[in-house]
Amino acid sequence: MHATYIRPRGLPQLQNTAASQKRHPLQNVADTALKAAAGFWFLVAVIGQWAFLYYIVAFYGPSTFTGNFRAWTKNTFLLKRYVATIRWWPLLEAMK
C-alpha cells in the first residue's frame, strides 16, 4: 500500500523556472569548498586505515602465522603485553 500526496486546491502550482533555480556565486563557492573538504577528509581517513592495516599485518602477521606469540612483547606500545598463561593456539585450532 503506497501513500500518495494530494495537493489541496488552494495551493499554487510550483513552477520550475530558471529564475527559481538561479544560484548565487557565493553559494557555488561554498558547495565546491564543502565537496573538496569532504573528499580530502575521506582520502585522509582511507590512507590512515591502510597505514594501520599495514602496521598490524607487518608487525603481528609473521609471528601469528608461525605461532610465536611471545614476539608480540617487542611492541612496547602495548599496555598489557602477551600473557603466556593464556593458551590461544588450541582455541584457534578448535575454531577450524
N, C-alpha and C. Protein backbone atom coordinates (compact mmCIF):
# COMPACT_ATOMS: atom_id res chain seq x y z
N MET A 1 0.85 -1.16 0.00
CA MET A 1 0.00 0.00 0.00
C MET A 1 0.91 1.23 0.00
N HIS A 2 0.78 2.07 -0.98
CA HIS A 2 1.60 3.26 -1.11
C HIS A 2 0.78 4.50 -0.77
N ALA A 3 1.41 5.38 -0.02
CA ALA A 3 0.75 6.64 0.31
C ALA A 3 1.00 7.63 -0.81
N THR A 4 -0.01 8.36 -1.18
CA THR A 4 0.15 9.38 -2.21
C THR A 4 -0.24 10.73 -1.61
N TYR A 5 0.40 11.74 -2.13
CA TYR A 5 0.12 13.10 -1.65
C TYR A 5 -0.80 13.78 -2.64
N ILE A 6 -1.89 14.27 -2.15
CA ILE A 6 -2.85 15.01 -2.98
C ILE A 6 -2.75 16.48 -2.59
N ARG A 7 -2.37 17.30 -3.55
CA ARG A 7 -2.20 18.72 -3.29
C ARG A 7 -3.57 19.37 -3.14
N PRO A 8 -3.74 20.13 -2.06
CA PRO A 8 -5.03 20.83 -1.91
C PRO A 8 -5.24 21.85 -3.02
N ARG A 9 -6.47 22.15 -3.33
CA ARG A 9 -6.80 23.03 -4.44
C ARG A 9 -6.34 24.47 -4.22
N GLY A 10 -6.24 24.90 -2.99
CA GLY A 10 -5.90 26.29 -2.72
C GLY A 10 -4.43 26.61 -2.91
N LEU A 11 -3.57 25.61 -2.98
CA LEU A 11 -2.14 25.87 -3.11
C LEU A 11 -1.77 26.10 -4.57
N PRO A 12 -0.89 27.07 -4.83
CA PRO A 12 -0.48 27.31 -6.22
C PRO A 12 0.47 26.21 -6.69
N GLN A 13 0.47 26.02 -7.99
CA GLN A 13 1.37 25.03 -8.60
C GLN A 13 2.80 25.58 -8.58
N LEU A 14 3.77 24.76 -8.14
CA LEU A 14 5.16 25.19 -8.15
C LEU A 14 5.67 25.18 -9.58
N GLN A 15 6.36 26.23 -9.94
CA GLN A 15 6.88 26.32 -11.30
C GLN A 15 8.37 26.08 -11.30
N ASN A 16 8.82 25.39 -12.30
CA ASN A 16 10.23 25.09 -12.44
C ASN A 16 10.81 26.05 -13.48
N THR A 17 11.14 27.24 -13.04
CA THR A 17 11.65 28.24 -13.96
C THR A 17 13.13 28.48 -13.68
N ALA A 18 13.78 29.12 -14.63
CA ALA A 18 15.20 29.43 -14.47
C ALA A 18 15.42 30.42 -13.33
N ALA A 19 14.47 31.29 -13.11
CA ALA A 19 14.62 32.28 -12.03
C ALA A 19 14.57 31.61 -10.66
N SER A 20 13.78 30.56 -10.53
CA SER A 20 13.69 29.89 -9.23
C SER A 20 14.91 29.02 -8.96
N GLN A 21 15.64 28.67 -10.01
CA GLN A 21 16.82 27.82 -9.84
C GLN A 21 18.12 28.61 -9.89
N LYS A 22 18.03 29.94 -9.96
CA LYS A 22 19.22 30.77 -10.03
C LYS A 22 19.98 30.67 -8.71
N ARG A 23 21.29 30.47 -8.82
CA ARG A 23 22.10 30.32 -7.62
C ARG A 23 23.07 31.48 -7.53
N HIS A 24 23.41 31.83 -6.34
CA HIS A 24 24.36 32.91 -6.11
C HIS A 24 25.77 32.37 -6.27
N PRO A 25 26.71 33.20 -6.75
CA PRO A 25 28.10 32.74 -6.93
C PRO A 25 28.74 32.29 -5.61
N LEU A 26 28.41 32.94 -4.50
CA LEU A 26 28.97 32.55 -3.21
C LEU A 26 28.49 31.16 -2.79
N GLN A 27 27.26 30.83 -3.15
CA GLN A 27 26.74 29.51 -2.84
C GLN A 27 27.47 28.44 -3.64
N ASN A 28 27.82 28.74 -4.89
CA ASN A 28 28.59 27.80 -5.70
C ASN A 28 29.98 27.57 -5.10
N VAL A 29 30.61 28.63 -4.61
CA VAL A 29 31.92 28.51 -3.98
C VAL A 29 31.81 27.67 -2.71
N ALA A 30 30.76 27.91 -1.94
CA ALA A 30 30.57 27.15 -0.71
C ALA A 30 30.35 25.67 -1.00
N ASP A 31 29.55 25.37 -2.02
CA ASP A 31 29.32 23.98 -2.40
C ASP A 31 30.61 23.30 -2.83
N THR A 32 31.40 24.00 -3.64
CA THR A 32 32.67 23.45 -4.11
C THR A 32 33.63 23.22 -2.95
N ALA A 33 33.70 24.18 -2.02
CA ALA A 33 34.59 24.05 -0.87
C ALA A 33 34.16 22.89 0.03
N LEU A 34 32.86 22.74 0.22
CA LEU A 34 32.36 21.64 1.05
C LEU A 34 32.66 20.29 0.43
N LYS A 35 32.46 20.17 -0.88
CA LYS A 35 32.75 18.91 -1.56
C LYS A 35 34.24 18.59 -1.54
N ALA A 36 35.08 19.62 -1.70
CA ALA A 36 36.53 19.41 -1.65
C ALA A 36 36.97 18.99 -0.26
N ALA A 37 36.42 19.61 0.77
CA ALA A 37 36.78 19.27 2.15
C ALA A 37 36.33 17.84 2.49
N ALA A 38 35.15 17.47 2.05
CA ALA A 38 34.66 16.11 2.31
C ALA A 38 35.52 15.09 1.58
N GLY A 39 35.90 15.38 0.34
CA GLY A 39 36.76 14.47 -0.41
C GLY A 39 38.13 14.34 0.22
N PHE A 40 38.70 15.46 0.68
CA PHE A 40 40.00 15.42 1.34
C PHE A 40 39.93 14.64 2.64
N TRP A 41 38.88 14.86 3.43
CA TRP A 41 38.71 14.13 4.69
C TRP A 41 38.61 12.63 4.41
N PHE A 42 37.85 12.25 3.41
CA PHE A 42 37.70 10.84 3.08
C PHE A 42 39.04 10.24 2.65
N LEU A 43 39.81 10.97 1.85
CA LEU A 43 41.12 10.50 1.41
C LEU A 43 42.06 10.30 2.59
N VAL A 44 42.09 11.24 3.51
CA VAL A 44 42.95 11.12 4.70
C VAL A 44 42.51 9.93 5.56
N ALA A 45 41.21 9.74 5.71
CA ALA A 45 40.71 8.61 6.51
C ALA A 45 41.09 7.28 5.87
N VAL A 46 40.98 7.16 4.55
CA VAL A 46 41.33 5.92 3.86
C VAL A 46 42.83 5.64 3.97
N ILE A 47 43.65 6.68 3.80
CA ILE A 47 45.10 6.49 3.93
C ILE A 47 45.44 6.05 5.35
N GLY A 48 44.81 6.63 6.34
CA GLY A 48 45.05 6.24 7.73
C GLY A 48 44.66 4.79 8.01
N GLN A 49 43.55 4.37 7.46
CA GLN A 49 43.11 2.99 7.66
C GLN A 49 44.08 2.01 7.00
N TRP A 50 44.55 2.33 5.79
CA TRP A 50 45.51 1.46 5.11
C TRP A 50 46.84 1.41 5.85
N ALA A 51 47.29 2.55 6.40
CA ALA A 51 48.53 2.57 7.18
C ALA A 51 48.40 1.71 8.43
N PHE A 52 47.26 1.78 9.09
CA PHE A 52 47.03 0.95 10.28
C PHE A 52 47.00 -0.53 9.90
N LEU A 53 46.35 -0.87 8.82
CA LEU A 53 46.30 -2.26 8.37
C LEU A 53 47.71 -2.77 8.06
N TYR A 54 48.51 -1.94 7.38
CA TYR A 54 49.88 -2.33 7.06
C TYR A 54 50.68 -2.58 8.34
N TYR A 55 50.53 -1.72 9.33
CA TYR A 55 51.25 -1.89 10.60
C TYR A 55 50.86 -3.20 11.28
N ILE A 56 49.58 -3.47 11.35
CA ILE A 56 49.11 -4.69 12.03
C ILE A 56 49.63 -5.93 11.30
N VAL A 57 49.51 -5.97 9.99
CA VAL A 57 49.94 -7.15 9.22
C VAL A 57 51.46 -7.29 9.27
N ALA A 58 52.19 -6.18 9.14
CA ALA A 58 53.66 -6.27 9.13
C ALA A 58 54.22 -6.67 10.48
N PHE A 59 53.62 -6.20 11.57
CA PHE A 59 54.18 -6.49 12.89
C PHE A 59 53.68 -7.82 13.44
N TYR A 60 52.38 -8.05 13.36
CA TYR A 60 51.79 -9.23 14.00
C TYR A 60 51.62 -10.41 13.06
N GLY A 61 51.60 -10.19 11.76
CA GLY A 61 51.35 -11.27 10.81
C GLY A 61 52.33 -12.42 10.88
N PRO A 62 53.65 -12.17 10.72
CA PRO A 62 54.60 -13.29 10.72
C PRO A 62 54.60 -14.09 12.02
N SER A 63 54.54 -13.41 13.16
CA SER A 63 54.56 -14.14 14.43
C SER A 63 53.25 -14.89 14.66
N THR A 64 52.15 -14.38 14.14
CA THR A 64 50.87 -15.07 14.29
C THR A 64 50.83 -16.34 13.45
N PHE A 65 51.30 -16.26 12.21
CA PHE A 65 51.25 -17.43 11.35
C PHE A 65 52.21 -18.52 11.79
N THR A 66 53.29 -18.16 12.47
CA THR A 66 54.23 -19.17 12.97
C THR A 66 53.88 -19.62 14.38
N GLY A 67 52.94 -18.97 15.03
CA GLY A 67 52.55 -19.35 16.39
C GLY A 67 53.47 -18.79 17.45
N ASN A 68 54.33 -17.87 17.12
CA ASN A 68 55.28 -17.28 18.06
C ASN A 68 54.66 -16.01 18.65
N PHE A 69 53.76 -16.19 19.60
CA PHE A 69 53.06 -15.05 20.17
C PHE A 69 53.95 -14.27 21.14
N ARG A 70 55.03 -14.87 21.61
CA ARG A 70 55.94 -14.15 22.50
C ARG A 70 56.64 -13.00 21.78
N ALA A 71 56.68 -13.04 20.48
CA ALA A 71 57.31 -11.95 19.72
C ALA A 71 56.50 -10.66 19.84
N TRP A 72 55.27 -10.77 20.29
CA TRP A 72 54.45 -9.58 20.46
C TRP A 72 54.98 -8.69 21.57
N THR A 73 55.80 -9.24 22.47
CA THR A 73 56.34 -8.44 23.57
C THR A 73 57.34 -7.40 23.07
N LYS A 74 57.77 -7.51 21.81
CA LYS A 74 58.66 -6.49 21.24
C LYS A 74 57.93 -5.16 21.09
N ASN A 75 56.62 -5.20 21.05
CA ASN A 75 55.84 -3.98 20.90
C ASN A 75 55.73 -3.31 22.26
N THR A 76 56.44 -2.20 22.45
CA THR A 76 56.43 -1.51 23.74
C THR A 76 55.20 -0.63 23.91
N PHE A 77 54.38 -0.48 22.88
CA PHE A 77 53.19 0.36 22.99
C PHE A 77 52.01 -0.37 23.63
N LEU A 78 52.09 -1.69 23.73
CA LEU A 78 51.01 -2.43 24.37
C LEU A 78 51.06 -2.20 25.88
N LEU A 79 49.93 -1.89 26.47
CA LEU A 79 49.92 -1.67 27.91
C LEU A 79 50.05 -2.99 28.66
N LYS A 80 49.35 -4.00 28.20
CA LYS A 80 49.42 -5.31 28.81
C LYS A 80 49.92 -6.25 27.74
N ARG A 81 51.15 -6.65 27.85
CA ARG A 81 51.78 -7.46 26.81
C ARG A 81 51.19 -8.87 26.78
N TYR A 82 51.71 -9.67 25.89
CA TYR A 82 51.25 -11.05 25.75
C TYR A 82 51.45 -11.81 27.05
N VAL A 83 50.40 -12.45 27.53
CA VAL A 83 50.46 -13.23 28.76
C VAL A 83 50.58 -14.69 28.38
N ALA A 84 51.66 -15.33 28.80
CA ALA A 84 51.94 -16.70 28.37
C ALA A 84 50.97 -17.72 28.96
N THR A 85 50.26 -17.39 30.01
CA THR A 85 49.35 -18.36 30.63
C THR A 85 48.09 -18.57 29.80
N ILE A 86 47.75 -17.63 28.94
CA ILE A 86 46.59 -17.80 28.08
C ILE A 86 47.03 -18.60 26.86
N ARG A 87 46.40 -19.71 26.64
CA ARG A 87 46.78 -20.56 25.52
C ARG A 87 45.77 -20.37 24.39
N TRP A 88 46.14 -19.52 23.43
CA TRP A 88 45.25 -19.19 22.32
C TRP A 88 45.29 -20.22 21.21
N TRP A 89 46.41 -20.86 21.00
CA TRP A 89 46.55 -21.74 19.85
C TRP A 89 45.52 -22.87 19.84
N PRO A 90 45.28 -23.56 20.98
CA PRO A 90 44.23 -24.61 20.95
C PRO A 90 42.85 -24.04 20.62
N LEU A 91 42.58 -22.81 21.06
CA LEU A 91 41.29 -22.22 20.73
C LEU A 91 41.19 -21.93 19.23
N LEU A 92 42.28 -21.47 18.65
CA LEU A 92 42.28 -21.22 17.21
C LEU A 92 42.15 -22.52 16.41
N GLU A 93 42.80 -23.57 16.91
CA GLU A 93 42.68 -24.87 16.24
C GLU A 93 41.26 -25.42 16.34
N ALA A 94 40.60 -25.17 17.48
CA ALA A 94 39.25 -25.68 17.67
C ALA A 94 38.24 -24.96 16.77
N MET A 95 38.55 -23.73 16.37
CA MET A 95 37.61 -22.97 15.54
C MET A 95 37.70 -23.35 14.07
N LYS A 96 38.64 -24.17 13.68
CA LYS A 96 38.77 -24.56 12.27
C LYS A 96 37.62 -25.41 11.81
